[in-house]
Amino acid sequence: MAQQITLVTTNPDKVGAITAHLARFGIEVRHLHAALIEPQADTVEEVARIKALEAFKLANAPVIIDDTGFSIDALGGFPGPYTKYVLRTIGIEGLLSLVQPHHSRRCRFVNALVYVDESGRLSSFVEQDGQGLLADFADQTPCPEAWSALWRIFIPDGYDKPLSAMLPDERARLWEAWAAHSVYARFGRWLQDQLD
């Protein structure tokens, strides 16, 4: 019998992606469509932990929360947990302007998955494997599958163009490489060990 966990989110794309990732580990994801308070905190993990406790109270069952931020080395990890707000206000052009005077263009996606078990105990899994460089200019290639404007300025390590300019099969290979070490894979293996 599959282990059932509730994912609390208003993002349908996140539900599909996480469901597919965790199905490999025999984990059935139930979706609870609910907006959680976006807390202010210094790290993506802290934000996810606060939201996970709120989600646990709503679901009254084991839950997972997935939160993502974007970290730029030259800006001391900014925007980090404030990525959504920054993209809504200054956008990718604003981010590129902030980085322009700096030599380093290193950046990464930061993904935090927090699990709350039936007793209310939290377990965190944090990943910073999506590393690369910021492009000099925003790519203008049409890319309807992009889930973030960051695709236009993020060049993954090992590539010479932003995510939005990559061919679908190139992105598929990149996702596959990242998936093996992702927070979802680490969580799935960890949960299997807990249940054995």
Foldseek 3Di string as FASTA:
>chain_A
DAAEAEEEEQDPVVVVVLQVLLVVLRYHYHYDDDDFDQDDDDAQQVRQLVRLLVVCVVVLAKYKYKTKDKAFVVVVGPPHSCRVVCCVPVRPVNVLVVCVVDDFFKMFMKMKMWIQHNVRDIDIDIDGQQIAGFANDFADQDAVVDPDSCQRTGDGPPGDHGNSPDDPVVVVVVCVVQSCVDSSVVVSVVVSVVVD
